[in-house]
PDB file of N, CA and C in Angstrom:
ATOM      1  N   MET A   1       5.999 -18.127   4.618  1.00  0.00           N
ATOM      2  CA  MET A   1       5.428 -16.868   5.061  1.00  0.00           C
ATOM      3  C   MET A   1       3.995 -16.734   4.535  1.00  0.00           C
ATOM      4  N   ASN A   2       3.776 -16.961   3.249  1.00  0.00           N
ATOM      5  CA  ASN A   2       2.446 -16.824   2.670  1.00  0.00           C
ATOM      6  C   ASN A   2       1.812 -18.200   2.532  1.00  0.00           C
ATOM      7  N   ASP A   3       0.860 -18.483   3.400  1.00  0.00           N
ATOM      8  CA  ASP A   3       0.189 -19.765   3.415  1.00  0.00           C
ATOM      9  C   ASP A   3      -1.042 -19.678   2.515  1.00  0.00           C
ATOM     10  N   ALA A   4      -1.025 -20.410   1.426  1.00  0.00           N
ATOM     11  CA  ALA A   4      -2.102 -20.339   0.431  1.00  0.00           C
ATOM     12  C   ALA A   4      -3.444 -20.786   1.001  1.00  0.00           C
ATOM     13  N   THR A   5      -3.427 -21.577   2.086  1.00  0.00           N
ATOM     14  CA  THR A   5      -4.683 -22.032   2.666  1.00  0.00           C
ATOM     15  C   THR A   5      -5.275 -20.993   3.619  1.00  0.00           C
ATOM     16  N   ASP A   6      -4.526 -19.978   3.969  1.00  0.00           N
ATOM     17  CA  ASP A   6      -4.997 -18.924   4.864  1.00  0.00           C
ATOM     18  C   ASP A   6      -5.801 -17.924   4.038  1.00  0.00           C
ATOM     19  N   PRO A   7      -7.106 -17.762   4.343  1.00  0.00           N
ATOM     20  CA  PRO A   7      -7.933 -16.869   3.524  1.00  0.00           C
ATOM     21  C   PRO A   7      -7.456 -15.414   3.541  1.00  0.00           C
ATOM     22  N   VAL A   8      -6.908 -14.957   4.644  1.00  0.00           N
ATOM     23  CA  VAL A   8      -6.427 -13.573   4.718  1.00  0.00           C
ATOM     24  C   VAL A   8      -5.198 -13.401   3.831  1.00  0.00           C
ATOM     25  N   GLN A   9      -4.276 -14.327   3.903  1.00  0.00           N
ATOM     26  CA  GLN A   9      -3.083 -14.257   3.059  1.00  0.00           C
ATOM     27  C   GLN A   9      -3.480 -14.373   1.585  1.00  0.00           C
ATOM     28  N   SER A  10      -4.455 -15.210   1.287  1.00  0.00           N
ATOM     29  CA  SER A  10      -4.945 -15.351  -0.092  1.00  0.00           C
ATOM     30  C   SER A  10      -5.582 -14.047  -0.572  1.00  0.00           C
ATOM     31  N   PHE A  11      -6.354 -13.396   0.314  1.00  0.00           N
ATOM     32  CA  PHE A  11      -6.983 -12.113  -0.029  1.00  0.00           C
ATOM     33  C   PHE A  11      -5.917 -11.059  -0.327  1.00  0.00           C
ATOM     34  N   ILE A  12      -4.900 -10.981   0.510  1.00  0.00           N
ATOM     35  CA  ILE A  12      -3.824 -10.001   0.322  1.00  0.00           C
ATOM     36  C   ILE A  12      -3.115 -10.259  -1.004  1.00  0.00           C
ATOM     37  N   GLU A  13      -2.757 -11.502  -1.238  1.00  0.00           N
ATOM     38  CA  GLU A  13      -2.066 -11.892  -2.474  1.00  0.00           C
ATOM     39  C   GLU A  13      -2.898 -11.527  -3.701  1.00  0.00           C
ATOM     40  N   LYS A  14      -4.187 -11.865  -3.668  1.00  0.00           N
ATOM     41  CA  LYS A  14      -5.072 -11.574  -4.800  1.00  0.00           C
ATOM     42  C   LYS A  14      -5.214 -10.063  -4.998  1.00  0.00           C
ATOM     43  N   THR A  15      -5.347  -9.313  -3.914  1.00  0.00           N
ATOM     44  CA  THR A  15      -5.528  -7.860  -4.008  1.00  0.00           C
ATOM     45  C   THR A  15      -4.312  -7.196  -4.645  1.00  0.00           C
ATOM     46  N   ILE A  16      -3.104  -7.596  -4.216  1.00  0.00           N
ATOM     47  CA  ILE A  16      -1.911  -6.947  -4.780  1.00  0.00           C
ATOM     48  C   ILE A  16      -1.582  -7.468  -6.171  1.00  0.00           C
ATOM     49  N   THR A  17      -2.121  -8.630  -6.533  1.00  0.00           N
ATOM     50  CA  THR A  17      -1.925  -9.163  -7.879  1.00  0.00           C
ATOM     51  C   THR A  17      -2.900  -8.532  -8.868  1.00  0.00           C
ATOM     52  N   ASP A  18      -4.132  -8.313  -8.422  1.00  0.00           N
ATOM     53  CA  ASP A  18      -5.194  -7.808  -9.294  1.00  0.00           C
ATOM     54  C   ASP A  18      -5.161  -6.294  -9.508  1.00  0.00           C
ATOM     55  N   ASN A  19      -4.458  -5.561  -8.646  1.00  0.00           N
ATOM     56  CA  ASN A  19      -4.454  -4.099  -8.715  1.00  0.00           C
ATOM     57  C   ASN A  19      -3.024  -3.581  -8.802  1.00  0.00           C
ATOM     58  N   PRO A  20      -2.741  -2.669  -9.747  1.00  0.00           N
ATOM     59  CA  PRO A  20      -1.368  -2.181  -9.919  1.00  0.00           C
ATOM     60  C   PRO A  20      -0.801  -1.485  -8.690  1.00  0.00           C
ATOM     61  N   VAL A  21      -1.617  -0.686  -7.998  1.00  0.00           N
ATOM     62  CA  VAL A  21      -1.146   0.025  -6.803  1.00  0.00           C
ATOM     63  C   VAL A  21      -2.160  -0.183  -5.685  1.00  0.00           C
ATOM     64  N   VAL A  22      -1.674  -0.709  -4.564  1.00  0.00           N
ATOM     65  CA  VAL A  22      -2.537  -0.985  -3.418  1.00  0.00           C
ATOM     66  C   VAL A  22      -1.919  -0.383  -2.165  1.00  0.00           C
ATOM     67  N   LEU A  23      -2.761   0.280  -1.383  1.00  0.00           N
ATOM     68  CA  LEU A  23      -2.337   0.822  -0.104  1.00  0.00           C
ATOM     69  C   LEU A  23      -3.172   0.183   0.991  1.00  0.00           C
ATOM     70  N   PHE A  24      -2.517  -0.644   1.817  1.00  0.00           N
ATOM     71  CA  PHE A  24      -3.167  -1.169   3.011  1.00  0.00           C
ATOM     72  C   PHE A  24      -3.006  -0.078   4.056  1.00  0.00           C
ATOM     73  N   MET A  25      -4.146   0.439   4.532  1.00  0.00           N
ATOM     74  CA  MET A  25      -4.115   1.648   5.342  1.00  0.00           C
ATOM     75  C   MET A  25      -5.155   1.596   6.456  1.00  0.00           C
ATOM     76  N   LYS A  26      -5.047   2.556   7.362  1.00  0.00           N
ATOM     77  CA  LYS A  26      -6.066   2.725   8.397  1.00  0.00           C
ATOM     78  C   LYS A  26      -7.054   3.752   7.879  1.00  0.00           C
ATOM     79  N   GLY A  27      -8.306   3.292   7.668  1.00  0.00           N
ATOM     80  CA  GLY A  27      -9.321   4.134   7.066  1.00  0.00           C
ATOM     81  C   GLY A  27      -9.402   3.870   5.573  1.00  0.00           C
ATOM     82  N   VAL A  28     -10.019   4.811   4.867  1.00  0.00           N
ATOM     83  CA  VAL A  28     -10.176   4.723   3.419  1.00  0.00           C
ATOM     84  C   VAL A  28      -9.552   5.964   2.794  1.00  0.00           C
ATOM     85  N   PRO A  29      -9.230   5.925   1.488  1.00  0.00           N
ATOM     86  CA  PRO A  29      -8.557   7.073   0.865  1.00  0.00           C
ATOM     87  C   PRO A  29      -9.264   8.415   1.097  1.00  0.00           C
ATOM     88  N   ASP A  30     -10.601   8.420   1.095  1.00  0.00           N
ATOM     89  CA  ASP A  30     -11.335   9.672   1.306  1.00  0.00           C
ATOM     90  C   ASP A  30     -11.367  10.098   2.768  1.00  0.00           C
ATOM     91  N   ALA A  31     -11.062   9.173   3.671  1.00  0.00           N
ATOM     92  CA  ALA A  31     -11.100   9.487   5.107  1.00  0.00           C
ATOM     93  C   ALA A  31     -10.084   8.647   5.869  1.00  0.00           C
ATOM     94  N   PRO A  32      -8.781   8.934   5.675  1.00  0.00           N
ATOM     95  CA  PRO A  32      -7.758   8.193   6.410  1.00  0.00           C
ATOM     96  C   PRO A  32      -7.946   8.381   7.917  1.00  0.00           C
ATOM     97  N   GLN A  33      -7.640   7.336   8.680  1.00  0.00           N
ATOM     98  CA  GLN A  33      -7.843   7.403  10.124  1.00  0.00           C
ATOM     99  C   GLN A  33      -6.531   7.402  10.904  1.00  0.00           C
ATOM    100  N   CYS A  34      -5.440   7.719  10.232  1.00  0.00           N
ATOM    101  CA  CYS A  34      -4.182   7.961  10.939  1.00  0.00           C
ATOM    102  C   CYS A  34      -3.325   8.873  10.075  1.00  0.00           C
ATOM    103  N   GLY A  35      -2.457   9.610  10.700  1.00  0.00           N
ATOM    104  CA  GLY A  35      -1.627  10.581   9.991  1.00  0.00           C
ATOM    105  C   GLY A  35      -0.722   9.950   8.950  1.00  0.00           C
ATOM    106  N   PHE A  36      -0.207   8.767   9.250  1.00  0.00           N
ATOM    107  CA  PHE A  36       0.710   8.109   8.315  1.00  0.00           C
ATOM    108  C   PHE A  36      -0.035   7.653   7.064  1.00  0.00           C
ATOM    109  N   SER A  37      -1.232   7.088   7.251  1.00  0.00           N
ATOM    110  CA  SER A  37      -2.045   6.696   6.093  1.00  0.00           C
ATOM    111  C   SER A  37      -2.418   7.936   5.283  1.00  0.00           C
ATOM    112  N   SER A  38      -2.772   9.011   5.967  1.00  0.00           N
ATOM    113  CA  SER A  38      -3.130  10.259   5.299  1.00  0.00           C
ATOM    114  C   SER A  38      -1.971  10.785   4.459  1.00  0.00           C
ATOM    115  N   LEU A  39      -0.768  10.719   4.994  1.00  0.00           N
ATOM    116  CA  LEU A  39       0.424  11.188   4.286  1.00  0.00           C
ATOM    117  C   LEU A  39       0.613  10.435   2.966  1.00  0.00           C
ATOM    118  N   VAL A  40       0.505   9.112   3.014  1.00  0.00           N
ATOM    119  CA  VAL A  40       0.714   8.307   1.808  1.00  0.00           C
ATOM    120  C   VAL A  40      -0.398   8.586   0.786  1.00  0.00           C
ATOM    121  N   VAL A  41      -1.639   8.721   1.243  1.00  0.00           N
ATOM    122  CA  VAL A  41      -2.743   9.066   0.345  1.00  0.00           C
ATOM    123  C   VAL A  41      -2.459  10.408  -0.329  1.00  0.00           C
ATOM    124  N   GLN A  42      -1.996  11.386   0.437  1.00  0.00           N
ATOM    125  CA  GLN A  42      -1.703  12.711  -0.127  1.00  0.00           C
ATOM    126  C   GLN A  42      -0.601  12.639  -1.184  1.00  0.00           C
ATOM    127  N   VAL A  43       0.437  11.861  -0.918  1.00  0.00           N
ATOM    128  CA  VAL A  43       1.533  11.706  -1.878  1.00  0.00           C
ATOM    129  C   VAL A  43       1.020  11.070  -3.159  1.00  0.00           C
ATOM    130  N   LEU A  44       0.258   9.988  -3.038  1.00  0.00           N
ATOM    131  CA  LEU A  44      -0.266   9.298  -4.226  1.00  0.00           C
ATOM    132  C   LEU A  44      -1.212  10.206  -5.005  1.00  0.00           C
ATOM    133  N   ASP A  45      -2.070  10.944  -4.290  1.00  0.00           N
ATOM    134  CA  ASP A  45      -2.981  11.877  -4.951  1.00  0.00           C
ATOM    135  C   ASP A  45      -2.201  12.976  -5.665  1.00  0.00           C
ATOM    136  N   HIS A  46      -1.169  13.484  -5.015  1.00  0.00           N
ATOM    137  CA  HIS A  46      -0.343  14.545  -5.603  1.00  0.00           C
ATOM    138  C   HIS A  46       0.304  14.073  -6.915  1.00  0.00           C
ATOM    139  N   LEU A  47       0.757  12.819  -6.923  1.00  0.00           N
ATOM    140  CA  LEU A  47       1.380  12.260  -8.117  1.00  0.00           C
ATOM    141  C   LEU A  47       0.340  11.892  -9.183  1.00  0.00           C
ATOM    142  N   GLY A  48      -0.921  11.803  -8.782  1.00  0.00           N
ATOM    143  CA  GLY A  48      -1.969  11.419  -9.725  1.00  0.00           C
ATOM    144  C   GLY A  48      -2.046   9.919  -9.959  1.00  0.00           C
ATOM    145  N   VAL A  49      -1.649   9.152  -8.950  1.00  0.00           N
ATOM    146  CA  VAL A  49      -1.646   7.694  -9.065  1.00  0.00           C
ATOM    147  C   VAL A  49      -3.015   7.136  -8.663  1.00  0.00           C
ATOM    148  N   ASP A  50      -3.589   6.304  -9.534  1.00  0.00           N
ATOM    149  CA  ASP A  50      -4.808   5.578  -9.171  1.00  0.00           C
ATOM    150  C   ASP A  50      -4.396   4.417  -8.291  1.00  0.00           C
ATOM    151  N   PHE A  51      -5.073   4.266  -7.161  1.00  0.00           N
ATOM    152  CA  PHE A  51      -4.724   3.164  -6.269  1.00  0.00           C
ATOM    153  C   PHE A  51      -5.961   2.648  -5.555  1.00  0.00           C
ATOM    154  N   VAL A  52      -5.836   1.434  -5.043  1.00  0.00           N
ATOM    155  CA  VAL A  52      -6.890   0.815  -4.251  1.00  0.00           C
ATOM    156  C   VAL A  52      -6.470   0.914  -2.791  1.00  0.00           C
ATOM    157  N   GLY A  53      -7.348   1.463  -1.967  1.00  0.00           N
ATOM    158  CA  GLY A  53      -7.093   1.519  -0.532  1.00  0.00           C
ATOM    159  C   GLY A  53      -7.831   0.395   0.166  1.00  0.00           C
ATOM    160  N   VAL A  54      -7.130  -0.327   1.037  1.00  0.00           N
ATOM    161  CA  VAL A  54      -7.748  -1.406   1.802  1.00  0.00           C
ATOM    162  C   VAL A  54      -7.696  -1.013   3.271  1.00  0.00           C
ATOM    163  N   ASN A  55      -8.864  -0.893   3.892  1.00  0.00           N
ATOM    164  CA  ASN A  55      -8.968  -0.465   5.281  1.00  0.00           C
ATOM    165  C   ASN A  55      -8.698  -1.646   6.212  1.00  0.00           C
ATOM    166  N   VAL A  56      -7.544  -1.625   6.885  1.00  0.00           N
ATOM    167  CA  VAL A  56      -7.200  -2.728   7.785  1.00  0.00           C
ATOM    168  C   VAL A  56      -7.927  -2.628   9.124  1.00  0.00           C
ATOM    169  N   LEU A  57      -8.575  -1.501   9.382  1.00  0.00           N
ATOM    170  CA  LEU A  57      -9.305  -1.345  10.639  1.00  0.00           C
ATOM    171  C   LEU A  57     -10.610  -2.127  10.649  1.00  0.00           C
ATOM    172  N   GLN A  58     -11.050  -2.557   9.456  1.00  0.00           N
ATOM    173  CA  GLN A  58     -12.312  -3.294   9.369  1.00  0.00           C
ATOM    174  C   GLN A  58     -12.177  -4.716   9.907  1.00  0.00           C
ATOM    175  N   ASP A  59     -10.946  -5.197  10.070  1.00  0.00           N
ATOM    176  CA  ASP A  59     -10.753  -6.602  10.433  1.00  0.00           C
ATOM    177  C   ASP A  59      -9.400  -6.794  11.120  1.00  0.00           C
ATOM    178  N   THR A  60      -9.428  -7.203  12.379  1.00  0.00           N
ATOM    179  CA  THR A  60      -8.190  -7.430  13.136  1.00  0.00           C
ATOM    180  C   THR A  60      -7.329  -8.496  12.478  1.00  0.00           C
ATOM    181  N   ILE A  61      -7.970  -9.519  11.931  1.00  0.00           N
ATOM    182  CA  ILE A  61      -7.218 -10.602  11.278  1.00  0.00           C
ATOM    183  C   ILE A  61      -6.477 -10.056  10.056  1.00  0.00           C
ATOM    184  N   LEU A  62      -7.123  -9.169   9.296  1.00  0.00           N
ATOM    185  CA  LEU A  62      -6.470  -8.544   8.142  1.00  0.00           C
ATOM    186  C   LEU A  62      -5.319  -7.654   8.605  1.00  0.00           C
ATOM    187  N   ARG A  63      -5.536  -6.876   9.657  1.00  0.00           N
ATOM    188  CA  ARG A  63      -4.497  -5.975  10.162  1.00  0.00           C
ATOM    189  C   ARG A  63      -3.259  -6.779  10.579  1.00  0.00           C
ATOM    190  N   ASP A  64      -3.475  -7.879  11.291  1.00  0.00           N
ATOM    191  CA  ASP A  64      -2.357  -8.729  11.684  1.00  0.00           C
ATOM    192  C   ASP A  64      -1.783  -9.468  10.477  1.00  0.00           C
ATOM    193  N   GLY A  65      -2.664  -9.847   9.555  1.00  0.00           N
ATOM    194  CA  GLY A  65      -2.252 -10.615   8.385  1.00  0.00           C
ATOM    195  C   GLY A  65      -1.329  -9.847   7.457  1.00  0.00           C
ATOM    196  N   ILE A  66      -1.593  -8.554   7.270  1.00  0.00           N
ATOM    197  CA  ILE A  66      -0.741  -7.770   6.366  1.00  0.00           C
ATOM    198  C   ILE A  66       0.635  -7.577   6.975  1.00  0.00           C
ATOM    199  N   LYS A  67       0.695  -7.472   8.293  1.00  0.00           N
ATOM    200  CA  LYS A  67       2.000  -7.355   8.965  1.00  0.00           C
ATOM    201  C   LYS A  67       2.803  -8.644   8.804  1.00  0.00           C
ATOM    202  N   ALA A  68       2.120  -9.772   8.902  1.00  0.00           N
ATOM    203  CA  ALA A  68       2.782 -11.066   8.734  1.00  0.00           C
ATOM    204  C   ALA A  68       3.179 -11.294   7.277  1.00  0.00           C
ATOM    205  N   PHE A  69       2.341 -10.807   6.348  1.00  0.00           N
ATOM    206  CA  PHE A  69       2.565 -11.007   4.921  1.00  0.00           C
ATOM    207  C   PHE A  69       3.924 -10.464   4.502  1.00  0.00           C
ATOM    208  N   THR A  70       4.279  -9.298   4.996  1.00  0.00           N
ATOM    209  CA  THR A  70       5.530  -8.656   4.611  1.00  0.00           C
ATOM    210  C   THR A  70       6.589  -8.728   5.687  1.00  0.00           C
ATOM    211  N   ASP A  71       6.192  -9.201   6.883  1.00  0.00           N
ATOM    212  CA  ASP A  71       7.085  -9.144   8.038  1.00  0.00           C
ATOM    213  C   ASP A  71       7.489  -7.682   8.288  1.00  0.00           C
ATOM    214  N   TRP A  72       6.500  -6.789   8.130  1.00  0.00           N
ATOM    215  CA  TRP A  72       6.687  -5.349   8.331  1.00  0.00           C
ATOM    216  C   TRP A  72       5.703  -4.929   9.420  1.00  0.00           C
ATOM    217  N   PRO A  73       6.181  -4.285  10.483  1.00  0.00           N
ATOM    218  CA  PRO A  73       5.339  -4.097  11.675  1.00  0.00           C
ATOM    219  C   PRO A  73       4.328  -2.970  11.625  1.00  0.00           C
ATOM    220  N   THR A  74       4.403  -2.114  10.610  1.00  0.00           N
ATOM    221  CA  THR A  74       3.544  -0.926  10.633  1.00  0.00           C
ATOM    222  C   THR A  74       2.623  -0.832   9.419  1.00  0.00           C
ATOM    223  N   ILE A  75       1.616  -0.008   9.578  1.00  0.00           N
ATOM    224  CA  ILE A  75       0.651   0.301   8.533  1.00  0.00           C
ATOM    225  C   ILE A  75       0.648   1.815   8.424  1.00  0.00           C
ATOM    226  N   PRO A  76       0.621   2.382   7.245  1.00  0.00           N
ATOM    227  CA  PRO A  76       0.248   1.816   5.953  1.00  0.00           C
ATOM    228  C   PRO A  76       1.379   1.023   5.287  1.00  0.00           C
ATOM    229  N   GLN A  77       0.977   0.243   4.301  1.00  0.00           N
ATOM    230  CA  GLN A  77       1.916  -0.503   3.467  1.00  0.00           C
ATOM    231  C   GLN A  77       1.517  -0.295   2.005  1.00  0.00           C
ATOM    232  N   LEU A  78       2.495   0.140   1.206  1.00  0.00           N
ATOM    233  CA  LEU A  78       2.250   0.413  -0.213  1.00  0.00           C
ATOM    234  C   LEU A  78       2.843  -0.683  -1.085  1.00  0.00           C
ATOM    235  N   TYR A  79       2.032  -1.150  -2.045  1.00  0.00           N
ATOM    236  CA  TYR A  79       2.457  -2.157  -3.013  1.00  0.00           C
ATOM    237  C   TYR A  79       2.286  -1.598  -4.412  1.00  0.00           C
ATOM    238  N   VAL A  80       3.296  -1.812  -5.249  1.00  0.00           N
ATOM    239  CA  VAL A  80       3.222  -1.418  -6.648  1.00  0.00           C
ATOM    240  C   VAL A  80       3.552  -2.640  -7.490  1.00  0.00           C
ATOM    241  N   LYS A  81       2.606  -3.019  -8.350  1.00  0.00           N
ATOM    242  CA  LYS A  81       2.762  -4.197  -9.214  1.00  0.00           C
ATOM    243  C   LYS A  81       3.183  -5.430  -8.401  1.00  0.00           C
ATOM    244  N   GLY A  82       2.534  -5.603  -7.245  1.00  0.00           N
ATOM    245  CA  GLY A  82       2.777  -6.773  -6.413  1.00  0.00           C
ATOM    246  C   GLY A  82       4.002  -6.693  -5.527  1.00  0.00           C
ATOM    247  N   GLU A  83       4.771  -5.624  -5.643  1.00  0.00           N
ATOM    248  CA  GLU A  83       5.995  -5.496  -4.855  1.00  0.00           C
ATOM    249  C   GLU A  83       5.778  -4.551  -3.685  1.00  0.00           C
ATOM    250  N   PHE A  84       6.204  -4.989  -2.505  1.00  0.00           N
ATOM    251  CA  PHE A  84       6.099  -4.153  -1.318  1.00  0.00           C
ATOM    252  C   PHE A  84       7.106  -3.013  -1.413  1.00  0.00           C
ATOM    253  N   ILE A  85       6.615  -1.772  -1.325  1.00  0.00           N
ATOM    254  CA  ILE A  85       7.482  -0.601  -1.415  1.00  0.00           C
ATOM    255  C   ILE A  85       7.908  -0.138  -0.033  1.00  0.00           C
ATOM    256  N   GLY A  86       6.954  -0.021   0.876  1.00  0.00           N
ATOM    257  CA  GLY A  86       7.282   0.389   2.233  1.00  0.00           C
ATOM    258  C   GLY A  86       6.123   1.096   2.890  1.00  0.00           C
ATOM    259  N   GLY A  87       6.433   1.714   4.028  1.00  0.00           N
ATOM    260  CA  GLY A  87       5.438   2.451   4.793  1.00  0.00           C
ATOM    261  C   GLY A  87       5.573   3.944   4.556  1.00  0.00           C
ATOM    262  N   ALA A  88       4.984   4.728   5.451  1.00  0.00           N
ATOM    263  CA  ALA A  88       4.903   6.175   5.280  1.00  0.00           C
ATOM    264  C   ALA A  88       6.277   6.839   5.177  1.00  0.00           C
ATOM    265  N   ASP A  89       7.215   6.457   6.040  1.00  0.00           N
ATOM    266  CA  ASP A  89       8.534   7.096   6.022  1.00  0.00           C
ATOM    267  C   ASP A  89       9.268   6.842   4.710  1.00  0.00           C
ATOM    268  N   ILE A  90       9.205   5.602   4.237  1.00  0.00           N
ATOM    269  CA  ILE A  90       9.882   5.242   2.989  1.00  0.00           C
ATOM    270  C   ILE A  90       9.218   5.962   1.805  1.00  0.00           C
ATOM    271  N   VAL A  91       7.889   5.969   1.782  1.00  0.00           N
ATOM    272  CA  VAL A  91       7.157   6.651   0.707  1.00  0.00           C
ATOM    273  C   VAL A  91       7.505   8.137   0.703  1.00  0.00           C
ATOM    274  N   LYS A  92       7.536   8.735   1.885  1.00  0.00           N
ATOM    275  CA  LYS A  92       7.853  10.169   2.009  1.00  0.00           C
ATOM    276  C   LYS A  92       9.258  10.459   1.492  1.00  0.00           C
ATOM    277  N   GLU A  93      10.226   9.625   1.877  1.00  0.00           N
ATOM    278  CA  GLU A  93      11.613   9.805   1.425  1.00  0.00           C
ATOM    279  C   GLU A  93      11.730   9.613  -0.082  1.00  0.00           C
ATOM    280  N   MET A  94      11.076   8.578  -0.606  1.00  0.00           N
ATOM    281  CA  MET A  94      11.122   8.320  -2.047  1.00  0.00           C
ATOM    282  C   MET A  94      10.481   9.465  -2.824  1.00  0.00           C
ATOM    283  N   PHE A  95       9.369   9.988  -2.301  1.00  0.00           N
ATOM    284  CA  PHE A  95       8.685  11.110  -2.952  1.00  0.00           C
ATOM    285  C   PHE A  95       9.589  12.339  -2.974  1.00  0.00           C
ATOM    286  N   ALA A  96      10.193  12.646  -1.841  1.00  0.00           N
ATOM    287  CA  ALA A  96      11.057  13.832  -1.728  1.00  0.00           C
ATOM    288  C   ALA A  96      12.256  13.743  -2.671  1.00  0.00           C
ATOM    289  N   ALA A  97      12.758  12.526  -2.877  1.00  0.00           N
ATOM    290  CA  ALA A  97      13.932  12.324  -3.734  1.00  0.00           C
ATOM    291  C   ALA A  97      13.552  12.171  -5.211  1.00  0.00           C
ATOM    292  N   GLY A  98      12.253  12.148  -5.521  1.00  0.00           N
ATOM    293  CA  GLY A  98      11.804  11.954  -6.899  1.00  0.00           C
ATOM    294  C   GLY A  98      11.776  10.494  -7.317  1.00  0.00           C
ATOM    295  N   GLU A  99      12.129   9.599  -6.395  1.00  0.00           N
ATOM    296  CA  GLU A  99      12.211   8.167  -6.723  1.00  0.00           C
ATOM    297  C   GLU A  99      10.840   7.525  -6.877  1.00  0.00           C
ATOM    298  N   LEU A 100       9.862   8.004  -6.116  1.00  0.00           N
ATOM    299  CA  LEU A 100       8.536   7.393  -6.176  1.00  0.00           C
ATOM    300  C   LEU A 100       7.884   7.655  -7.530  1.00  0.00           C
ATOM    301  N   LYS A 101       7.982   8.888  -8.007  1.00  0.00           N
ATOM    302  CA  LYS A 101       7.418   9.221  -9.320  1.00  0.00           C
ATOM    303  C   LYS A 101       8.111   8.396 -10.402  1.00  0.00           C
ATOM    304  N   LEU A 102       9.421   8.264 -10.304  1.00  0.00           N
ATOM    305  CA  LEU A 102      10.186   7.465 -11.264  1.00  0.00           C
ATOM    306  C   LEU A 102       9.733   6.007 -11.241  1.00  0.00           C
ATOM    307  N   LEU A 103       9.589   5.461 -10.046  1.00  0.00           N
ATOM    308  CA  LEU A 103       9.142   4.073  -9.907  1.00  0.00           C
ATOM    309  C   LEU A 103       7.758   3.886 -10.525  1.00  0.00           C
ATOM    310  N   MET A 104       6.845   4.795 -10.211  1.00  0.00           N
ATOM    311  CA  MET A 104       5.479   4.690 -10.738  1.00  0.00           C
ATOM    312  C   MET A 104       5.471   4.793 -12.264  1.00  0.00           C
ATOM    313  N   THR A 105       6.322   5.649 -12.804  1.00  0.00           N
ATOM    314  CA  THR A 105       6.421   5.805 -14.263  1.00  0.00           C
ATOM    315  C   THR A 105       7.009   4.539 -14.882  1.00  0.00           C
ATOM    316  N   GLU A 106       8.087   4.035 -14.298  1.00  0.00           N
ATOM    317  CA  GLU A 106       8.730   2.815 -14.810  1.00  0.00           C
ATOM    318  C   GLU A 106       7.793   1.621 -14.768  1.00  0.00           C
ATOM    319  N   GLN A 107       6.943   1.572 -13.746  1.00  0.00           N
ATOM    320  CA  GLN A 107       6.009   0.444 -13.597  1.00  0.00           C
ATOM    321  C   GLN A 107       4.761   0.615 -14.452  1.00  0.00           C
ATOM    322  N   GLY A 108       4.651   1.755 -15.132  1.00  0.00           N
ATOM    323  CA  GLY A 108       3.533   1.974 -16.036  1.00  0.00           C
ATOM    324  C   GLY A 108       2.248   2.372 -15.358  1.00  0.00           C
ATOM    325  N   VAL A 109       2.311   2.767 -14.084  1.00  0.00           N
ATOM    326  CA  VAL A 109       1.094   3.178 -13.383  1.00  0.00           C
ATOM    327  C   VAL A 109       0.927   4.691 -13.404  1.00  0.00           C
ATOM    328  N   LEU A 110       1.924   5.374 -13.959  1.00  0.00           N
ATOM    329  CA  LEU A 110       1.883   6.833 -14.074  1.00  0.00           C
ATOM    330  C   LEU A 110       2.455   7.199 -15.428  1.00  0.00           C
ATOM    331  N   ALA A 111       1.769   8.057 -16.140  1.00  0.00           N
ATOM    332  CA  ALA A 111       2.249   8.480 -17.454  1.00  0.00           C
ATOM    333  C   ALA A 111       3.548   9.265 -17.318  1.00  0.00           C
ATOM    334  N   ALA A 112       4.446   9.071 -18.263  1.00  0.00           N
ATOM    335  CA  ALA A 112       5.750   9.751 -18.210  1.00  0.00           C
ATOM    336  C   ALA A 112       5.588  11.234 -18.450  1.00  0.00           C
TER     337      ALA A 112
END
């Protein structure tokens, strides 16, 4: 699935390895360009989580590459400590259940 010789896959791998919380999204955190990306940004901001937003609209190859990377068809995609968490619906459900805050605290990206 992850071809080390593919520069896009290498970029994705490096980005999620180098940053504790990464959101591959449409637009940027200050100006999301879709409702689902906006929702995830709002949840992360509400929790006080520092994260890196990667705008997949800047590059079609990146947009297709992130979908192939996880075999997940939609964007946004949230990663915590290199692990794929899910898209907007999963993030919303986890937030509502208190699971997202717990996960962020357990992973050390949010103070207890």
